[in-house]
N, C-alpha and C. Protein backbone atom coordinates (compact mmCIF):
# COMPACT_ATOMS: atom_id res chain seq x y z
N UNK A 1 227.71 74.63 116.34
CA UNK A 1 227.32 73.13 116.03
C UNK A 1 226.98 72.44 117.51
N UNK A 2 225.85 71.73 117.42
CA UNK A 2 225.57 70.71 118.62
C UNK A 2 225.81 69.38 118.30
N UNK A 3 226.21 68.66 119.26
CA UNK A 3 226.07 67.27 118.74
C UNK A 3 225.31 66.46 119.78
N UNK A 4 224.46 65.57 119.47
CA UNK A 4 223.31 64.89 120.41
C UNK A 4 223.40 63.41 120.08
N UNK A 5 223.45 62.71 121.19
CA UNK A 5 223.63 61.27 121.16
C UNK A 5 222.57 60.47 121.81
N UNK A 6 222.11 59.32 121.00
CA UNK A 6 220.97 58.66 121.81
C UNK A 6 221.38 57.16 121.43
N UNK A 7 220.70 56.42 122.53
CA UNK A 7 220.91 54.86 122.45
C UNK A 7 219.65 54.41 122.71
N UNK A 8 219.24 53.43 121.77
CA UNK A 8 217.76 52.68 122.04
C UNK A 8 218.37 51.36 122.22
N UNK A 9 217.73 50.52 123.13
CA UNK A 9 218.14 49.27 123.74
C UNK A 9 216.89 48.23 122.95
N UNK A 10 217.47 46.94 122.87
CA UNK A 10 216.38 46.11 122.71
C UNK A 10 215.69 45.92 121.41
N UNK A 11 216.42 46.38 120.51
CA UNK A 11 216.04 46.12 118.99
C UNK A 11 215.95 44.65 118.55
N UNK A 12 215.35 44.36 117.53
CA UNK A 12 215.23 43.23 117.00
C UNK A 12 215.76 42.91 115.46
N UNK A 13 215.81 43.99 114.84
CA UNK A 13 216.14 43.95 113.35
C UNK A 13 217.74 44.20 113.12
N UNK A 14 218.34 43.40 112.61
CA UNK A 14 219.74 43.41 112.41
C UNK A 14 220.08 43.69 110.91
N UNK A 15 220.90 44.58 110.56
CA UNK A 15 221.20 45.27 109.41
C UNK A 15 222.32 44.04 108.35
N UNK A 16 222.23 44.32 107.18
CA UNK A 16 223.49 43.90 106.34
C UNK A 16 224.72 44.40 106.51
N UNK A 17 225.71 43.86 106.48
CA UNK A 17 227.04 44.55 106.66
C UNK A 17 227.34 45.73 105.93
N UNK A 18 226.71 45.91 104.81
CA UNK A 18 227.15 47.13 103.76
C UNK A 18 226.36 48.32 104.39
N UNK A 19 227.22 49.65 104.67
CA UNK A 19 226.64 50.69 105.12
C UNK A 19 225.97 51.36 103.91
N UNK A 20 225.02 52.33 104.42
CA UNK A 20 224.06 52.98 103.35
C UNK A 20 224.25 54.78 103.86
N UNK A 21 224.29 55.28 102.75
CA UNK A 21 224.43 56.90 102.85
C UNK A 21 223.00 57.28 102.24
N UNK A 22 222.26 58.56 102.87
CA UNK A 22 221.13 58.91 102.23
C UNK A 22 221.22 60.48 102.67
N UNK A 23 220.66 61.34 101.45
CA UNK A 23 220.69 62.66 101.54
C UNK A 23 222.00 63.27 101.48
N UNK A 24 221.84 64.67 101.30
CA UNK A 24 223.03 65.56 101.24
C UNK A 24 223.08 66.77 102.16
N UNK A 25 224.25 67.00 102.67
CA UNK A 25 224.22 68.12 103.68
C UNK A 25 224.07 69.26 103.00
N UNK A 26 222.97 70.18 102.98
CA UNK A 26 222.88 71.25 102.44
C UNK A 26 222.29 72.09 103.22
N UNK A 27 221.85 73.40 102.84
CA UNK A 27 220.80 74.04 103.79
C UNK A 27 219.29 73.49 103.66
N UNK A 28 218.78 73.28 104.98
CA UNK A 28 217.61 72.82 105.12
C UNK A 28 217.47 71.32 104.86
N UNK A 29 218.55 70.62 104.68
CA UNK A 29 218.57 69.06 104.53
C UNK A 29 219.65 68.47 105.56
N UNK A 30 219.87 67.24 105.26
CA UNK A 30 220.67 66.34 106.07
C UNK A 30 221.22 65.14 105.41
N UNK A 31 222.20 64.61 105.95
CA UNK A 31 222.82 63.38 105.44
C UNK A 31 222.96 62.40 106.68
N UNK A 32 222.45 61.07 106.34
CA UNK A 32 222.36 60.00 107.26
C UNK A 32 223.30 58.69 106.70
N UNK A 33 224.00 58.28 107.59
CA UNK A 33 224.93 57.35 107.41
C UNK A 33 224.38 56.17 108.51
N UNK A 34 223.98 55.00 107.81
CA UNK A 34 223.51 53.99 108.61
C UNK A 34 224.51 52.64 108.45
N UNK A 35 224.96 52.16 109.50
CA UNK A 35 226.00 50.98 109.24
C UNK A 35 225.58 49.92 110.54
N UNK A 36 226.08 48.74 110.21
CA UNK A 36 225.96 47.59 111.16
C UNK A 36 227.13 47.80 112.24
N UNK A 37 226.86 47.44 113.49
CA UNK A 37 227.76 47.60 114.57
C UNK A 37 227.59 46.66 115.63
N UNK A 38 228.43 46.11 116.10
CA UNK A 38 228.32 45.22 117.21
C UNK A 38 228.03 46.24 118.55
N UNK A 39 226.90 46.00 119.08
CA UNK A 39 226.50 47.24 120.20
C UNK A 39 225.46 46.49 121.26
N UNK A 40 225.67 45.08 121.24
CA UNK A 40 224.80 44.33 122.21
C UNK A 40 223.41 44.38 122.17
N UNK A 41 222.85 44.58 120.80
CA UNK A 41 221.62 44.78 120.42
C UNK A 41 220.97 46.13 120.34
N UNK A 42 221.91 47.09 120.45
CA UNK A 42 221.44 48.51 120.65
C UNK A 42 221.34 49.21 119.37
N UNK A 43 220.74 50.38 119.16
CA UNK A 43 221.26 51.17 118.10
C UNK A 43 221.41 52.70 118.68
N UNK A 44 222.69 52.91 117.95
CA UNK A 44 223.12 54.52 118.46
C UNK A 44 223.07 55.22 117.39
N UNK A 45 222.65 56.62 117.98
CA UNK A 45 222.51 57.60 116.89
C UNK A 45 223.04 58.94 117.41
N UNK A 46 224.15 59.41 116.55
CA UNK A 46 224.66 60.61 116.87
C UNK A 46 224.50 61.68 115.84
N UNK A 47 224.02 62.77 116.18
CA UNK A 47 223.62 63.89 115.45
C UNK A 47 224.44 64.96 115.69
N UNK A 48 225.07 65.69 114.23
CA UNK A 48 225.71 66.94 114.59
C UNK A 48 224.81 67.89 113.65
N UNK A 49 224.40 68.99 114.41
CA UNK A 49 223.53 69.94 113.74
C UNK A 49 223.70 71.21 114.25
N UNK A 50 223.55 72.12 112.97
CA UNK A 50 223.52 73.54 113.20
C UNK A 50 222.46 74.17 113.96
N UNK A 51 221.44 73.43 114.17
CA UNK A 51 220.27 74.02 114.86
C UNK A 51 220.20 73.59 116.22
N UNK A 52 220.88 74.52 117.25
CA UNK A 52 220.85 74.39 118.53
C UNK A 52 219.67 74.19 119.17
N UNK A 53 219.55 73.51 120.60
CA UNK A 53 218.34 73.56 121.25
C UNK A 53 217.23 72.83 120.86
N UNK A 54 217.36 71.54 120.02
CA UNK A 54 216.18 71.00 119.72
C UNK A 54 216.19 69.57 120.01
N UNK A 55 217.00 69.28 121.08
CA UNK A 55 217.05 67.84 121.59
C UNK A 55 215.87 67.06 121.87
N UNK A 56 214.88 67.93 122.41
CA UNK A 56 213.69 67.25 122.75
C UNK A 56 212.90 66.66 121.49
N UNK A 57 212.91 67.50 120.37
CA UNK A 57 212.40 67.24 118.97
C UNK A 57 212.83 66.06 118.45
N UNK A 58 214.19 66.17 118.52
CA UNK A 58 215.09 64.99 117.85
C UNK A 58 214.75 63.71 118.40
N UNK A 59 214.72 63.80 119.94
CA UNK A 59 214.54 62.63 120.64
C UNK A 59 213.02 61.79 120.16
N UNK A 60 212.13 62.93 119.96
CA UNK A 60 210.77 62.45 119.63
C UNK A 60 210.74 61.80 118.16
N UNK A 61 211.64 62.30 117.22
CA UNK A 61 211.58 62.06 115.91
C UNK A 61 212.30 60.59 115.98
N UNK A 62 213.40 60.55 116.53
CA UNK A 62 214.23 59.30 116.45
C UNK A 62 213.45 58.04 117.18
N UNK A 63 212.90 58.48 118.53
CA UNK A 63 211.98 57.56 119.16
C UNK A 63 210.88 56.67 118.30
N UNK A 64 210.28 57.68 117.44
CA UNK A 64 209.19 57.17 116.42
C UNK A 64 209.98 56.33 115.54
N UNK A 65 211.16 56.62 115.18
CA UNK A 65 211.82 55.85 113.99
C UNK A 65 212.38 54.64 114.76
N UNK A 66 212.64 54.50 115.74
CA UNK A 66 213.20 53.27 116.32
C UNK A 66 212.17 52.25 116.64
N UNK A 67 210.83 52.83 116.95
CA UNK A 67 209.85 52.20 117.25
C UNK A 67 209.27 51.38 115.95
N UNK A 68 209.54 52.19 114.95
CA UNK A 68 208.97 51.59 113.39
C UNK A 68 209.96 50.55 112.98
N UNK A 69 211.25 50.88 113.20
CA UNK A 69 212.35 49.89 112.54
C UNK A 69 212.70 48.69 113.52
N UNK A 70 212.89 48.93 114.77
CA UNK A 70 213.33 48.24 115.88
C UNK A 70 214.74 47.61 115.43
N UNK A 71 215.68 48.65 115.29
CA UNK A 71 217.07 48.39 114.92
C UNK A 71 217.75 47.63 116.01
N UNK A 72 218.76 46.81 115.55
CA UNK A 72 219.56 46.13 116.75
C UNK A 72 221.10 46.50 115.97
N UNK A 73 222.00 46.41 116.86
CA UNK A 73 223.36 46.49 116.42
C UNK A 73 223.67 47.43 115.13
N UNK A 74 223.06 48.53 115.31
CA UNK A 74 223.10 49.75 114.29
C UNK A 74 223.57 50.83 114.83
N UNK A 75 224.55 51.44 113.86
CA UNK A 75 224.96 52.82 114.31
C UNK A 75 224.73 53.92 113.13
N UNK A 76 224.01 54.99 113.58
CA UNK A 76 223.54 55.99 112.59
C UNK A 76 224.46 57.25 112.83
N UNK A 77 224.84 57.99 111.98
CA UNK A 77 225.39 59.24 112.10
C UNK A 77 224.68 60.21 111.21
N UNK A 78 224.18 61.22 111.73
CA UNK A 78 223.47 62.46 111.02
C UNK A 78 224.18 63.69 111.09
N UNK A 79 224.37 64.36 109.74
CA UNK A 79 224.82 65.63 109.84
C UNK A 79 223.71 66.51 109.16
N UNK A 80 223.39 67.29 110.18
CA UNK A 80 221.98 68.22 109.84
C UNK A 80 222.53 69.72 109.55
N UNK A 81 221.78 70.29 108.79
CA UNK A 81 221.72 71.65 108.30
C UNK A 81 220.53 72.32 108.65
N UNK A 82 219.65 72.04 109.51
CA UNK A 82 218.35 72.54 109.88
C UNK A 82 217.30 71.78 109.17
N UNK A 83 217.19 70.46 109.07
CA UNK A 83 216.15 69.62 108.45
C UNK A 83 215.02 69.77 109.40
N UNK A 84 213.82 69.79 108.78
CA UNK A 84 212.54 69.54 109.42
C UNK A 84 212.39 68.21 109.91
N UNK A 85 211.64 67.75 110.91
CA UNK A 85 211.45 66.64 111.36
C UNK A 85 210.88 65.65 110.21
N UNK A 86 209.99 66.15 109.31
CA UNK A 86 209.41 65.27 108.22
C UNK A 86 210.56 64.79 107.33
N UNK A 87 211.70 65.83 107.13
CA UNK A 87 212.75 65.44 106.45
C UNK A 87 213.79 64.46 106.99
N UNK A 88 213.91 64.59 108.24
CA UNK A 88 214.48 63.76 108.94
C UNK A 88 213.89 62.16 108.98
N UNK A 89 212.62 62.15 109.11
CA UNK A 89 212.13 60.69 109.09
C UNK A 89 212.44 60.37 107.50
N UNK A 90 212.20 61.00 106.44
CA UNK A 90 212.28 60.70 105.28
C UNK A 90 213.56 59.99 104.96
N UNK A 91 214.76 60.82 105.39
CA UNK A 91 215.93 60.19 105.02
C UNK A 91 216.46 58.89 105.93
N UNK A 92 216.04 58.89 106.89
CA UNK A 92 216.21 57.74 107.68
C UNK A 92 215.51 56.56 107.12
N UNK A 93 214.33 56.78 106.59
CA UNK A 93 213.45 55.74 106.01
C UNK A 93 214.06 55.27 104.72
N UNK A 94 214.61 56.30 104.03
CA UNK A 94 215.19 55.94 102.81
C UNK A 94 216.51 55.29 103.00
N UNK A 95 217.30 55.35 103.92
CA UNK A 95 218.52 54.89 104.13
C UNK A 95 218.22 53.27 104.49
N UNK A 96 217.18 53.00 105.16
CA UNK A 96 216.83 51.83 105.97
C UNK A 96 216.14 50.97 104.73
N UNK A 97 215.42 51.46 104.04
CA UNK A 97 214.60 50.93 102.76
C UNK A 97 215.61 50.54 101.88
N UNK A 98 216.66 51.32 101.56
CA UNK A 98 217.68 51.01 100.84
C UNK A 98 218.45 49.74 101.16
N UNK A 99 218.84 49.60 102.40
CA UNK A 99 219.56 48.51 102.98
C UNK A 99 218.71 47.18 103.05
N UNK A 100 217.47 47.44 103.58
CA UNK A 100 216.73 46.14 103.69
C UNK A 100 215.75 45.74 102.51
N UNK A 101 215.71 46.71 101.57
CA UNK A 101 214.75 46.34 100.31
C UNK A 101 213.23 46.38 100.38
N UNK A 102 213.00 47.13 101.68
CA UNK A 102 211.35 47.43 101.97
C UNK A 102 211.17 48.25 103.21
N UNK A 103 210.05 48.13 103.42
CA UNK A 103 209.38 49.16 104.50
C UNK A 103 209.52 48.13 105.93
N UNK A 104 209.45 48.85 107.03
CA UNK A 104 209.54 48.37 108.32
C UNK A 104 208.54 47.28 108.72
């Protein structure tokens, strides 16, 4: 297992207090937990993944996600079992759409 941590500053969208879980940890998939947290306007993302050595790809996918959603004071935990970048984006968007009631 590999653990990756990312922090994005200067987001503008704050989330409701209720946490949201999206996806299931299984082969080729992942689980995303999104919650509100006091982080001085930042968004932190921790990934625990079985696929080692893909930090640059995670950084690109998460940078694109943060650019779309502009999250502030948000903590995201991802448990990954080898999901493709498209599935990662889908699960993140699903969790945020459920929390906010719409698209970015």
